[in-house]
Amino acid sequence: QTLEDLLRMCVLDWGGHWADHLCLAEFAYNNSFQSSICMAPFEALYGRPCRTPLCWTQVGERSMFGATFVQETTEKIRVLRLNMKEAQDRQRSYADRRRRELEFQVGDRVLSQDGYVEGP
């Protein structure tokens, strides 16, 4: 759902077809912090952070790629990250809306689906 929301926002912001923005959306998703794994998916897979276009200006590769290209790509990635944060927050609010606090008392019967039960 987050990727779908992200692509929808790309089309609204920049126009075109969603497939035109898929590679940048995938890049932004794979290099954004995921709270469930406490790191970016790229870092989880390869064991190191990805060298993004945001780093190109720091290591002097800007002239190799062209200043305009680096600037445009950097801005698009910044917007994508903001859009993805909004989409994640929206999905979290949907999940939280349906979530409810359950309170149990000693002696209440509950259904355990994991098969592991600790007790007397």
PDB file of N, CA and C in Angstrom:
ATOM      1  N   GLN A   1       0.817  -1.196   0.000  1.00  0.00           N
ATOM      2  CA  GLN A   1       0.000   0.000   0.000  1.00  0.00           C
ATOM      3  C   GLN A   1       0.855   1.252   0.000  1.00  0.00           C
ATOM      4  N   THR A   2       1.970   1.223   0.717  1.00  0.00           N
ATOM      5  CA  THR A   2       2.837   2.396   0.773  1.00  0.00           C
ATOM      6  C   THR A   2       3.389   2.711  -0.608  1.00  0.00           C
ATOM      7  N   LEU A   3       3.841   1.686  -1.328  1.00  0.00           N
ATOM      8  CA  LEU A   3       4.378   1.903  -2.670  1.00  0.00           C
ATOM      9  C   LEU A   3       3.295   2.422  -3.611  1.00  0.00           C
ATOM     10  N   GLU A   4       2.090   1.901  -3.476  1.00  0.00           N
ATOM     11  CA  GLU A   4       0.970   2.377  -4.298  1.00  0.00           C
ATOM     12  C   GLU A   4       0.694   3.858  -4.032  1.00  0.00           C
ATOM     13  N   ASP A   5       0.659   4.230  -2.761  1.00  0.00           N
ATOM     14  CA  ASP A   5       0.455   5.642  -2.404  1.00  0.00           C
ATOM     15  C   ASP A   5       1.588   6.508  -2.929  1.00  0.00           C
ATOM     16  N   LEU A   6       2.814   6.001  -2.827  1.00  0.00           N
ATOM     17  CA  LEU A   6       3.980   6.746  -3.291  1.00  0.00           C
ATOM     18  C   LEU A   6       3.907   6.996  -4.794  1.00  0.00           C
ATOM     19  N   LEU A   7       3.555   5.973  -5.552  1.00  0.00           N
ATOM     20  CA  LEU A   7       3.439   6.132  -7.006  1.00  0.00           C
ATOM     21  C   LEU A   7       2.295   7.075  -7.372  1.00  0.00           C
ATOM     22  N   ARG A   8       1.208   7.005  -6.631  1.00  0.00           N
ATOM     23  CA  ARG A   8       0.082   7.915  -6.879  1.00  0.00           C
ATOM     24  C   ARG A   8       0.523   9.364  -6.680  1.00  0.00           C
ATOM     25  N   MET A   9       1.282   9.613  -5.606  1.00  0.00           N
ATOM     26  CA  MET A   9       1.762  10.967  -5.343  1.00  0.00           C
ATOM     27  C   MET A   9       2.738  11.438  -6.417  1.00  0.00           C
ATOM     28  N   CYS A  10       3.562  10.529  -6.931  1.00  0.00           N
ATOM     29  CA  CYS A  10       4.500  10.889  -8.005  1.00  0.00           C
ATOM     30  C   CYS A  10       3.746  11.344  -9.243  1.00  0.00           C
ATOM     31  N   VAL A  11       2.716  10.608  -9.609  1.00  0.00           N
ATOM     32  CA  VAL A  11       1.926  10.964 -10.792  1.00  0.00           C
ATOM     33  C   VAL A  11       1.235  12.303 -10.579  1.00  0.00           C
ATOM     34  N   LEU A  12       0.722  12.538  -9.382  1.00  0.00           N
ATOM     35  CA  LEU A  12       0.069  13.819  -9.098  1.00  0.00           C
ATOM     36  C   LEU A  12       1.068  14.972  -9.115  1.00  0.00           C
ATOM     37  N   ASP A  13       2.273  14.753  -8.580  1.00  0.00           N
ATOM     38  CA  ASP A  13       3.281  15.813  -8.519  1.00  0.00           C
ATOM     39  C   ASP A  13       3.944  16.080  -9.864  1.00  0.00           C
ATOM     40  N   TRP A  14       4.322  15.006 -10.576  1.00  0.00           N
ATOM     41  CA  TRP A  14       5.131  15.167 -11.780  1.00  0.00           C
ATOM     42  C   TRP A  14       4.427  14.778 -13.070  1.00  0.00           C
ATOM     43  N   GLY A  15       3.230  14.224 -12.983  1.00  0.00           N
ATOM     44  CA  GLY A  15       2.494  13.820 -14.181  1.00  0.00           C
ATOM     45  C   GLY A  15       3.048  12.535 -14.774  1.00  0.00           C
ATOM     46  N   GLY A  16       2.536  12.179 -15.933  1.00  0.00           N
ATOM     47  CA  GLY A  16       2.986  10.964 -16.602  1.00  0.00           C
ATOM     48  C   GLY A  16       2.270   9.732 -16.082  1.00  0.00           C
ATOM     49  N   HIS A  17       2.812   8.585 -16.407  1.00  0.00           N
ATOM     50  CA  HIS A  17       2.269   7.285 -16.021  1.00  0.00           C
ATOM     51  C   HIS A  17       3.037   6.780 -14.803  1.00  0.00           C
ATOM     52  N   TRP A  18       2.394   5.968 -13.967  1.00  0.00           N
ATOM     53  CA  TRP A  18       3.055   5.491 -12.750  1.00  0.00           C
ATOM     54  C   TRP A  18       4.322   4.714 -13.050  1.00  0.00           C
ATOM     55  N   ALA A  19       4.351   4.000 -14.169  1.00  0.00           N
ATOM     56  CA  ALA A  19       5.526   3.198 -14.518  1.00  0.00           C
ATOM     57  C   ALA A  19       6.752   4.074 -14.787  1.00  0.00           C
ATOM     58  N   ASP A  20       6.513   5.334 -15.177  1.00  0.00           N
ATOM     59  CA  ASP A  20       7.627   6.255 -15.423  1.00  0.00           C
ATOM     60  C   ASP A  20       8.385   6.566 -14.135  1.00  0.00           C
ATOM     61  N   HIS A  21       7.732   6.432 -13.004  1.00  0.00           N
ATOM     62  CA  HIS A  21       8.328   6.800 -11.720  1.00  0.00           C
ATOM     63  C   HIS A  21       8.695   5.584 -10.873  1.00  0.00           C
ATOM     64  N   LEU A  22       8.480   4.389 -11.403  1.00  0.00           N
ATOM     65  CA  LEU A  22       8.673   3.178 -10.608  1.00  0.00           C
ATOM     66  C   LEU A  22      10.111   3.005 -10.124  1.00  0.00           C
ATOM     67  N   CYS A  23      11.095   3.255 -10.990  1.00  0.00           N
ATOM     68  CA  CYS A  23      12.484   3.027 -10.576  1.00  0.00           C
ATOM     69  C   CYS A  23      12.897   3.983  -9.457  1.00  0.00           C
ATOM     70  N   LEU A  24      12.491   5.245  -9.538  1.00  0.00           N
ATOM     71  CA  LEU A  24      12.814   6.189  -8.462  1.00  0.00           C
ATOM     72  C   LEU A  24      12.060   5.847  -7.178  1.00  0.00           C
ATOM     73  N   ALA A  25      10.813   5.423  -7.307  1.00  0.00           N
ATOM     74  CA  ALA A  25      10.030   5.046  -6.127  1.00  0.00           C
ATOM     75  C   ALA A  25      10.653   3.824  -5.449  1.00  0.00           C
ATOM     76  N   GLU A  26      11.079   2.856  -6.250  1.00  0.00           N
ATOM     77  CA  GLU A  26      11.731   1.666  -5.701  1.00  0.00           C
ATOM     78  C   GLU A  26      13.031   2.049  -4.992  1.00  0.00           C
ATOM     79  N   PHE A  27      13.802   2.920  -5.624  1.00  0.00           N
ATOM     80  CA  PHE A  27      15.054   3.385  -5.035  1.00  0.00           C
ATOM     81  C   PHE A  27      14.798   4.069  -3.694  1.00  0.00           C
ATOM     82  N   ALA A  28      13.813   4.956  -3.666  1.00  0.00           N
ATOM     83  CA  ALA A  28      13.492   5.675  -2.429  1.00  0.00           C
ATOM     84  C   ALA A  28      13.024   4.706  -1.342  1.00  0.00           C
ATOM     85  N   TYR A  29      12.202   3.734  -1.708  1.00  0.00           N
ATOM     86  CA  TYR A  29      11.702   2.762  -0.731  1.00  0.00           C
ATOM     87  C   TYR A  29      12.847   1.923  -0.166  1.00  0.00           C
ATOM     88  N   ASN A  30      13.709   1.422  -1.048  1.00  0.00           N
ATOM     89  CA  ASN A  30      14.798   0.546  -0.616  1.00  0.00           C
ATOM     90  C   ASN A  30      15.851   1.256   0.216  1.00  0.00           C
ATOM     91  N   ASN A  31      15.896   2.588   0.146  1.00  0.00           N
ATOM     92  CA  ASN A  31      16.908   3.341   0.878  1.00  0.00           C
ATOM     93  C   ASN A  31      16.333   4.195   1.995  1.00  0.00           C
ATOM     94  N   SER A  32      15.084   3.958   2.356  1.00  0.00           N
ATOM     95  CA  SER A  32      14.459   4.693   3.457  1.00  0.00           C
ATOM     96  C   SER A  32      14.383   3.801   4.691  1.00  0.00           C
ATOM     97  N   PHE A  33      14.547   4.415   5.839  1.00  0.00           N
ATOM     98  CA  PHE A  33      14.518   3.697   7.110  1.00  0.00           C
ATOM     99  C   PHE A  33      13.163   3.023   7.308  1.00  0.00           C
ATOM    100  N   GLN A  34      13.187   1.747   7.660  1.00  0.00           N
ATOM    101  CA  GLN A  34      11.971   0.992   7.952  1.00  0.00           C
ATOM    102  C   GLN A  34      11.986   0.645   9.435  1.00  0.00           C
ATOM    103  N   SER A  35      11.005   1.102  10.162  1.00  0.00           N
ATOM    104  CA  SER A  35      11.002   0.892  11.613  1.00  0.00           C
ATOM    105  C   SER A  35      10.897  -0.589  11.984  1.00  0.00           C
ATOM    106  N   SER A  36      10.316  -1.403  11.116  1.00  0.00           N
ATOM    107  CA  SER A  36      10.155  -2.824  11.441  1.00  0.00           C
ATOM    108  C   SER A  36      11.492  -3.562  11.487  1.00  0.00           C
ATOM    109  N   ILE A  37      12.474  -3.138  10.678  1.00  0.00           N
ATOM    110  CA  ILE A  37      13.787  -3.792  10.667  1.00  0.00           C
ATOM    111  C   ILE A  37      14.890  -2.872  11.194  1.00  0.00           C
ATOM    112  N   CYS A  38      14.520  -1.655  11.574  1.00  0.00           N
ATOM    113  CA  CYS A  38      15.448  -0.658  12.144  1.00  0.00           C
ATOM    114  C   CYS A  38      16.599  -0.302  11.212  1.00  0.00           C
ATOM    115  N   MET A  39      16.364  -0.360   9.924  1.00  0.00           N
ATOM    116  CA  MET A  39      17.343   0.057   8.918  1.00  0.00           C
ATOM    117  C   MET A  39      16.651   0.094   7.563  1.00  0.00           C
ATOM    118  N   ALA A  40      17.359   0.519   6.544  1.00  0.00           N
ATOM    119  CA  ALA A  40      16.816   0.531   5.189  1.00  0.00           C
ATOM    120  C   ALA A  40      16.894  -0.882   4.607  1.00  0.00           C
ATOM    121  N   PRO A  41      15.953  -1.281   3.738  1.00  0.00           N
ATOM    122  CA  PRO A  41      16.014  -2.611   3.125  1.00  0.00           C
ATOM    123  C   PRO A  41      17.333  -2.878   2.385  1.00  0.00           C
ATOM    124  N   PHE A  42      17.874  -1.867   1.703  1.00  0.00           N
ATOM    125  CA  PHE A  42      19.152  -2.041   1.008  1.00  0.00           C
ATOM    126  C   PHE A  42      20.245  -2.421   1.999  1.00  0.00           C
ATOM    127  N   GLU A  43      20.290  -1.718   3.117  1.00  0.00           N
ATOM    128  CA  GLU A  43      21.305  -1.981   4.134  1.00  0.00           C
ATOM    129  C   GLU A  43      21.124  -3.369   4.745  1.00  0.00           C
ATOM    130  N   ALA A  44      19.880  -3.798   4.925  1.00  0.00           N
ATOM    131  CA  ALA A  44      19.615  -5.135   5.463  1.00  0.00           C
ATOM    132  C   ALA A  44      20.102  -6.214   4.500  1.00  0.00           C
ATOM    133  N   LEU A  45      19.938  -5.968   3.207  1.00  0.00           N
ATOM    134  CA  LEU A  45      20.324  -6.954   2.200  1.00  0.00           C
ATOM    135  C   LEU A  45      21.830  -7.002   1.983  1.00  0.00           C
ATOM    136  N   TYR A  46      22.470  -5.831   1.871  1.00  0.00           N
ATOM    137  CA  TYR A  46      23.886  -5.778   1.512  1.00  0.00           C
ATOM    138  C   TYR A  46      24.825  -5.498   2.680  1.00  0.00           C
ATOM    139  N   GLY A  47      24.280  -5.189   3.844  1.00  0.00           N
ATOM    140  CA  GLY A  47      25.117  -4.965   5.011  1.00  0.00           C
ATOM    141  C   GLY A  47      25.804  -3.616   5.058  1.00  0.00           C
ATOM    142  N   ARG A  48      25.441  -2.709   4.187  1.00  0.00           N
ATOM    143  CA  ARG A  48      26.014  -1.360   4.165  1.00  0.00           C
ATOM    144  C   ARG A  48      25.001  -0.408   3.555  1.00  0.00           C
ATOM    145  N   PRO A  49      25.092   0.871   3.898  1.00  0.00           N
ATOM    146  CA  PRO A  49      24.176   1.846   3.287  1.00  0.00           C
ATOM    147  C   PRO A  49      24.488   2.021   1.797  1.00  0.00           C
ATOM    148  N   CYS A  50      23.497   2.343   1.038  1.00  0.00           N
ATOM    149  CA  CYS A  50      23.658   2.570  -0.399  1.00  0.00           C
ATOM    150  C   CYS A  50      24.281   3.940  -0.642  1.00  0.00           C
ATOM    151  N   ARG A  51      25.164   4.016  -1.625  1.00  0.00           N
ATOM    152  CA  ARG A  51      25.693   5.320  -2.036  1.00  0.00           C
ATOM    153  C   ARG A  51      24.663   5.936  -2.958  1.00  0.00           C
ATOM    154  N   THR A  52      23.954   6.894  -2.457  1.00  0.00           N
ATOM    155  CA  THR A  52      22.866   7.518  -3.200  1.00  0.00           C
ATOM    156  C   THR A  52      23.357   8.740  -3.952  1.00  0.00           C
ATOM    157  N   PRO A  53      22.536   9.259  -4.863  1.00  0.00           N
ATOM    158  CA  PRO A  53      22.901  10.510  -5.549  1.00  0.00           C
ATOM    159  C   PRO A  53      23.135  11.656  -4.570  1.00  0.00           C
ATOM    160  N   LEU A  54      22.588  11.540  -3.363  1.00  0.00           N
ATOM    161  CA  LEU A  54      22.825  12.570  -2.358  1.00  0.00           C
ATOM    162  C   LEU A  54      24.297  12.611  -1.972  1.00  0.00           C
ATOM    163  N   CYS A  55      25.012  11.491  -2.126  1.00  0.00           N
ATOM    164  CA  CYS A  55      26.442  11.429  -1.802  1.00  0.00           C
ATOM    165  C   CYS A  55      27.311  11.907  -2.963  1.00  0.00           C
ATOM    166  N   TRP A  56      26.788  11.933  -4.171  1.00  0.00           N
ATOM    167  CA  TRP A  56      27.607  12.266  -5.331  1.00  0.00           C
ATOM    168  C   TRP A  56      28.246  13.638  -5.205  1.00  0.00           C
ATOM    169  N   THR A  57      27.534  14.585  -4.635  1.00  0.00           N
ATOM    170  CA  THR A  57      28.093  15.932  -4.496  1.00  0.00           C
ATOM    171  C   THR A  57      29.191  15.958  -3.446  1.00  0.00           C
ATOM    172  N   GLN A  58      29.174  15.018  -2.519  1.00  0.00           N
ATOM    173  CA  GLN A  58      30.167  15.013  -1.448  1.00  0.00           C
ATOM    174  C   GLN A  58      31.491  14.412  -1.895  1.00  0.00           C
ATOM    175  N   VAL A  59      31.482  13.498  -2.845  1.00  0.00           N
ATOM    176  CA  VAL A  59      32.717  12.811  -3.237  1.00  0.00           C
ATOM    177  C   VAL A  59      33.279  13.307  -4.556  1.00  0.00           C
ATOM    178  N   GLY A  60      32.781  14.405  -5.056  1.00  0.00           N
ATOM    179  CA  GLY A  60      33.341  14.996  -6.264  1.00  0.00           C
ATOM    180  C   GLY A  60      32.890  14.362  -7.566  1.00  0.00           C
ATOM    181  N   GLU A  61      31.866  13.535  -7.534  1.00  0.00           N
ATOM    182  CA  GLU A  61      31.381  12.896  -8.752  1.00  0.00           C
ATOM    183  C   GLU A  61      30.373  13.767  -9.480  1.00  0.00           C
ATOM    184  N   ARG A  62      30.093  14.935  -8.946  1.00  0.00           N
ATOM    185  CA  ARG A  62      29.095  15.823  -9.528  1.00  0.00           C
ATOM    186  C   ARG A  62      29.439  16.170 -10.976  1.00  0.00           C
ATOM    187  N   SER A  63      30.697  16.470 -11.252  1.00  0.00           N
ATOM    188  CA  SER A  63      31.086  16.851 -12.614  1.00  0.00           C
ATOM    189  C   SER A  63      30.946  15.681 -13.584  1.00  0.00           C
ATOM    190  N   MET A  64      31.111  14.455 -13.082  1.00  0.00           N
ATOM    191  CA  MET A  64      31.003  13.288 -13.943  1.00  0.00           C
ATOM    192  C   MET A  64      29.559  13.073 -14.407  1.00  0.00           C
ATOM    193  N   PHE A  65      28.592  13.340 -13.545  1.00  0.00           N
ATOM    194  CA  PHE A  65      27.190  13.124 -13.880  1.00  0.00           C
ATOM    195  C   PHE A  65      26.496  14.375 -14.389  1.00  0.00           C
ATOM    196  N   GLY A  66      27.045  15.529 -14.136  1.00  0.00           N
ATOM    197  CA  GLY A  66      26.402  16.775 -14.531  1.00  0.00           C
ATOM    198  C   GLY A  66      25.650  17.368 -13.359  1.00  0.00           C
ATOM    199  N   ALA A  67      25.899  18.634 -13.114  1.00  0.00           N
ATOM    200  CA  ALA A  67      25.308  19.301 -11.951  1.00  0.00           C
ATOM    201  C   ALA A  67      23.787  19.291 -11.999  1.00  0.00           C
ATOM    202  N   THR A  68      23.213  19.493 -13.183  1.00  0.00           N
ATOM    203  CA  THR A  68      21.753  19.538 -13.315  1.00  0.00           C
ATOM    204  C   THR A  68      21.133  18.187 -12.984  1.00  0.00           C
ATOM    205  N   PHE A  69      21.730  17.114 -13.513  1.00  0.00           N
ATOM    206  CA  PHE A  69      21.223  15.765 -13.253  1.00  0.00           C
ATOM    207  C   PHE A  69      21.248  15.458 -11.760  1.00  0.00           C
ATOM    208  N   VAL A  70      22.365  15.745 -11.117  1.00  0.00           N
ATOM    209  CA  VAL A  70      22.492  15.465  -9.686  1.00  0.00           C
ATOM    210  C   VAL A  70      21.481  16.279  -8.892  1.00  0.00           C
ATOM    211  N   GLN A  71      21.326  17.545  -9.237  1.00  0.00           N
ATOM    212  CA  GLN A  71      20.388  18.410  -8.517  1.00  0.00           C
ATOM    213  C   GLN A  71      18.945  17.936  -8.694  1.00  0.00           C
ATOM    214  N   GLU A  72      18.550  17.601  -9.939  1.00  0.00           N
ATOM    215  CA  GLU A  72      17.183  17.135 -10.196  1.00  0.00           C
ATOM    216  C   GLU A  72      16.909  15.814  -9.478  1.00  0.00           C
ATOM    217  N   THR A  73      17.854  14.891  -9.557  1.00  0.00           N
ATOM    218  CA  THR A  73      17.676  13.590  -8.915  1.00  0.00           C
ATOM    219  C   THR A  73      17.608  13.735  -7.398  1.00  0.00           C
ATOM    220  N   THR A  74      18.455  14.569  -6.850  1.00  0.00           N
ATOM    221  CA  THR A  74      18.446  14.814  -5.408  1.00  0.00           C
ATOM    222  C   THR A  74      17.106  15.372  -4.959  1.00  0.00           C
ATOM    223  N   GLU A  75      16.566  16.316  -5.713  1.00  0.00           N
ATOM    224  CA  GLU A  75      15.276  16.916  -5.364  1.00  0.00           C
ATOM    225  C   GLU A  75      14.149  15.886  -5.463  1.00  0.00           C
ATOM    226  N   LYS A  76      14.164  15.053  -6.511  1.00  0.00           N
ATOM    227  CA  LYS A  76      13.123  14.031  -6.658  1.00  0.00           C
ATOM    228  C   LYS A  76      13.172  13.030  -5.509  1.00  0.00           C
ATOM    229  N   ILE A  77      14.363  12.623  -5.124  1.00  0.00           N
ATOM    230  CA  ILE A  77      14.490  11.664  -4.022  1.00  0.00           C
ATOM    231  C   ILE A  77      14.020  12.291  -2.719  1.00  0.00           C
ATOM    232  N   ARG A  78      14.322  13.568  -2.510  1.00  0.00           N
ATOM    233  CA  ARG A  78      13.858  14.262  -1.309  1.00  0.00           C
ATOM    234  C   ARG A  78      12.330  14.280  -1.252  1.00  0.00           C
ATOM    235  N   VAL A  79      11.696  14.603  -2.393  1.00  0.00           N
ATOM    236  CA  VAL A  79      10.231  14.631  -2.460  1.00  0.00           C
ATOM    237  C   VAL A  79       9.660  13.232  -2.251  1.00  0.00           C
ATOM    238  N   LEU A  80      10.284  12.226  -2.864  1.00  0.00           N
ATOM    239  CA  LEU A  80       9.814  10.847  -2.700  1.00  0.00           C
ATOM    240  C   LEU A  80       9.886  10.403  -1.244  1.00  0.00           C
ATOM    241  N   ARG A  81      10.945  10.750  -0.564  1.00  0.00           N
ATOM    242  CA  ARG A  81      11.065  10.368   0.848  1.00  0.00           C
ATOM    243  C   ARG A  81       9.983  11.037   1.688  1.00  0.00           C
ATOM    244  N   LEU A  82       9.709  12.295   1.407  1.00  0.00           N
ATOM    245  CA  LEU A  82       8.629  12.980   2.124  1.00  0.00           C
ATOM    246  C   LEU A  82       7.284  12.318   1.839  1.00  0.00           C
ATOM    247  N   ASN A  83       7.047  11.991   0.566  1.00  0.00           N
ATOM    248  CA  ASN A  83       5.797  11.333   0.188  1.00  0.00           C
ATOM    249  C   ASN A  83       5.674   9.963   0.848  1.00  0.00           C
ATOM    250  N   MET A  84       6.795   9.233   0.910  1.00  0.00           N
ATOM    251  CA  MET A  84       6.744   7.911   1.517  1.00  0.00           C
ATOM    252  C   MET A  84       6.466   8.022   3.013  1.00  0.00           C
ATOM    253  N   LYS A  85       7.040   9.003   3.670  1.00  0.00           N
ATOM    254  CA  LYS A  85       6.765   9.219   5.097  1.00  0.00           C
ATOM    255  C   LYS A  85       5.283   9.500   5.309  1.00  0.00           C
ATOM    256  N   GLU A  86       4.692  10.328   4.438  1.00  0.00           N
ATOM    257  CA  GLU A  86       3.259  10.612   4.535  1.00  0.00           C
ATOM    258  C   GLU A  86       2.433   9.345   4.334  1.00  0.00           C
ATOM    259  N   ALA A  87       2.815   8.526   3.336  1.00  0.00           N
ATOM    260  CA  ALA A  87       2.080   7.290   3.060  1.00  0.00           C
ATOM    261  C   ALA A  87       2.191   6.320   4.234  1.00  0.00           C
ATOM    262  N   GLN A  88       3.384   6.196   4.820  1.00  0.00           N
ATOM    263  CA  GLN A  88       3.559   5.309   5.967  1.00  0.00           C
ATOM    264  C   GLN A  88       2.746   5.790   7.162  1.00  0.00           C
ATOM    265  N   ASP A  89       2.744   7.093   7.386  1.00  0.00           N
ATOM    266  CA  ASP A  89       1.953   7.645   8.491  1.00  0.00           C
ATOM    267  C   ASP A  89       0.464   7.397   8.282  1.00  0.00           C
ATOM    268  N   ARG A  90       0.010   7.533   7.040  1.00  0.00           N
ATOM    269  CA  ARG A  90      -1.400   7.291   6.732  1.00  0.00           C
ATOM    270  C   ARG A  90      -1.753   5.823   6.969  1.00  0.00           C
ATOM    271  N   GLN A  91      -0.887   4.902   6.523  1.00  0.00           N
ATOM    272  CA  GLN A  91      -1.139   3.476   6.734  1.00  0.00           C
ATOM    273  C   GLN A  91      -1.125   3.146   8.231  1.00  0.00           C
ATOM    274  N   ARG A  92      -0.221   3.770   8.988  1.00  0.00           N
ATOM    275  CA  ARG A  92      -0.162   3.549  10.429  1.00  0.00           C
ATOM    276  C   ARG A  92      -1.453   4.021  11.087  1.00  0.00           C
ATOM    277  N   SER A  93      -1.971   5.165  10.643  1.00  0.00           N
ATOM    278  CA  SER A  93      -3.210   5.673  11.248  1.00  0.00           C
ATOM    279  C   SER A  93      -4.385   4.753  10.932  1.00  0.00           C
ATOM    280  N   TYR A  94      -4.406   4.163   9.714  1.00  0.00           N
ATOM    281  CA  TYR A  94      -5.467   3.208   9.381  1.00  0.00           C
ATOM    282  C   TYR A  94      -5.382   1.987  10.291  1.00  0.00           C
ATOM    283  N   ALA A  95      -4.169   1.483  10.507  1.00  0.00           N
ATOM    284  CA  ALA A  95      -3.995   0.303  11.359  1.00  0.00           C
ATOM    285  C   ALA A  95      -4.347   0.626  12.807  1.00  0.00           C
ATOM    286  N   ASP A  96      -3.921   1.792  13.273  1.00  0.00           N
ATOM    287  CA  ASP A  96      -4.201   2.181  14.660  1.00  0.00           C
ATOM    288  C   ASP A  96      -5.688   2.399  14.902  1.00  0.00           C
ATOM    289  N   ARG A  97      -6.393   2.829  13.874  1.00  0.00           N
ATOM    290  CA  ARG A  97      -7.827   3.077  14.013  1.00  0.00           C
ATOM    291  C   ARG A  97      -8.576   1.783  14.340  1.00  0.00           C
ATOM    292  N   ARG A  98      -8.111   0.664  13.777  1.00  0.00           N
ATOM    293  CA  ARG A  98      -8.784  -0.616  14.003  1.00  0.00           C
ATOM    294  C   ARG A  98      -8.233  -1.355  15.222  1.00  0.00           C
ATOM    295  N   ARG A  99      -7.099  -0.907  15.730  1.00  0.00           N
ATOM    296  CA  ARG A  99      -6.470  -1.556  16.872  1.00  0.00           C
ATOM    297  C   ARG A  99      -7.196  -1.161  18.151  1.00  0.00           C
ATOM    298  N   ARG A 100      -7.295  -2.100  19.046  1.00  0.00           N
ATOM    299  CA  ARG A 100      -7.927  -1.788  20.327  1.00  0.00           C
ATOM    300  C   ARG A 100      -7.132  -2.466  21.437  1.00  0.00           C
ATOM    301  N   GLU A 101      -7.122  -1.828  22.558  1.00  0.00           N
ATOM    302  CA  GLU A 101      -6.427  -2.365  23.725  1.00  0.00           C
ATOM    303  C   GLU A 101      -7.262  -3.490  24.330  1.00  0.00           C
ATOM    304  N   LEU A 102      -6.633  -4.601  24.571  1.00  0.00           N
ATOM    305  CA  LEU A 102      -7.307  -5.729  25.204  1.00  0.00           C
ATOM    306  C   LEU A 102      -6.743  -5.903  26.606  1.00  0.00           C
ATOM    307  N   GLU A 103      -7.614  -6.083  27.546  1.00  0.00           N
ATOM    308  CA  GLU A 103      -7.183  -6.332  28.916  1.00  0.00           C
ATOM    309  C   GLU A 103      -7.700  -7.695  29.341  1.00  0.00           C
ATOM    310  N   PHE A 104      -6.805  -8.465  29.927  1.00  0.00           N
ATOM    311  CA  PHE A 104      -7.161  -9.795  30.389  1.00  0.00           C
ATOM    312  C   PHE A 104      -6.965  -9.871  31.894  1.00  0.00           C
ATOM    313  N   GLN A 105      -7.763 -10.690  32.502  1.00  0.00           N
ATOM    314  CA  GLN A 105      -7.651 -10.946  33.935  1.00  0.00           C
ATOM    315  C   GLN A 105      -7.111 -12.363  34.119  1.00  0.00           C
ATOM    316  N   VAL A 106      -6.496 -12.587  35.238  1.00  0.00           N
ATOM    317  CA  VAL A 106      -6.008 -13.926  35.554  1.00  0.00           C
ATOM    318  C   VAL A 106      -7.198 -14.871  35.532  1.00  0.00           C
ATOM    319  N   GLY A 107      -7.057 -15.971  34.799  1.00  0.00           N
ATOM    320  CA  GLY A 107      -8.130 -16.949  34.702  1.00  0.00           C
ATOM    321  C   GLY A 107      -8.953 -16.823  33.428  1.00  0.00           C
ATOM    322  N   ASP A 108      -8.801 -15.715  32.686  1.00  0.00           N
ATOM    323  CA  ASP A 108      -9.521 -15.565  31.416  1.00  0.00           C
ATOM    324  C   ASP A 108      -9.015 -16.599  30.424  1.00  0.00           C
ATOM    325  N   ARG A 109      -9.909 -17.086  29.599  1.00  0.00           N
ATOM    326  CA  ARG A 109      -9.531 -18.045  28.565  1.00  0.00           C
ATOM    327  C   ARG A 109      -9.207 -17.277  27.290  1.00  0.00           C
ATOM    328  N   VAL A 110      -8.076 -17.636  26.681  1.00  0.00           N
ATOM    329  CA  VAL A 110      -7.648 -16.989  25.442  1.00  0.00           C
ATOM    330  C   VAL A 110      -7.229 -18.058  24.447  1.00  0.00           C
ATOM    331  N   LEU A 111      -7.299 -17.730  23.185  1.00  0.00           N
ATOM    332  CA  LEU A 111      -6.871 -18.636  22.127  1.00  0.00           C
ATOM    333  C   LEU A 111      -5.440 -18.292  21.751  1.00  0.00           C
ATOM    334  N   SER A 112      -4.560 -19.256  21.859  1.00  0.00           N
ATOM    335  CA  SER A 112      -3.156 -19.059  21.508  1.00  0.00           C
ATOM    336  C   SER A 112      -2.905 -19.705  20.156  1.00  0.00           C
ATOM    337  N   GLN A 113      -2.404 -18.926  19.216  1.00  0.00           N
ATOM    338  CA  GLN A 113      -2.181 -19.461  17.874  1.00  0.00           C
ATOM    339  C   GLN A 113      -0.748 -19.906  17.634  1.00  0.00           C
ATOM    340  N   ASP A 114       0.165 -19.583  18.535  1.00  0.00           N
ATOM    341  CA  ASP A 114       1.554 -19.963  18.299  1.00  0.00           C
ATOM    342  C   ASP A 114       1.885 -21.366  18.794  1.00  0.00           C
ATOM    343  N   GLY A 115       1.003 -21.964  19.555  1.00  0.00           N
ATOM    344  CA  GLY A 115       1.204 -23.328  20.009  1.00  0.00           C
ATOM    345  C   GLY A 115       2.089 -23.448  21.234  1.00  0.00           C
ATOM    346  N   TYR A 116       2.766 -22.367  21.618  1.00  0.00           N
ATOM    347  CA  TYR A 116       3.630 -22.392  22.792  1.00  0.00           C
ATOM    348  C   TYR A 116       2.896 -21.751  23.950  1.00  0.00           C
ATOM    349  N   VAL A 117       2.727 -22.509  25.014  1.00  0.00           N
ATOM    350  CA  VAL A 117       2.038 -21.993  26.193  1.00  0.00           C
ATOM    351  C   VAL A 117       2.924 -22.241  27.400  1.00  0.00           C
ATOM    352  N   GLU A 118       3.147 -21.198  28.161  1.00  0.00           N
ATOM    353  CA  GLU A 118       3.937 -21.335  29.377  1.00  0.00           C
ATOM    354  C   GLU A 118       2.997 -21.219  30.561  1.00  0.00           C
ATOM    355  N   GLY A 119       3.103 -22.107  31.460  1.00  0.00           N
ATOM    356  CA  GLY A 119       2.225 -22.050  32.618  1.00  0.00           C
ATOM    357  C   GLY A 119       2.223 -23.349  33.387  1.00  0.00           C
ATOM    358  N   PRO A 120       1.292 -23.473  34.337  1.00  0.00           N
ATOM    359  CA  PRO A 120       1.266 -24.671  35.191  1.00  0.00           C
ATOM    360  C   PRO A 120       0.889 -25.925  34.441  1.00  0.00           C
TER     361      PRO A 120
END
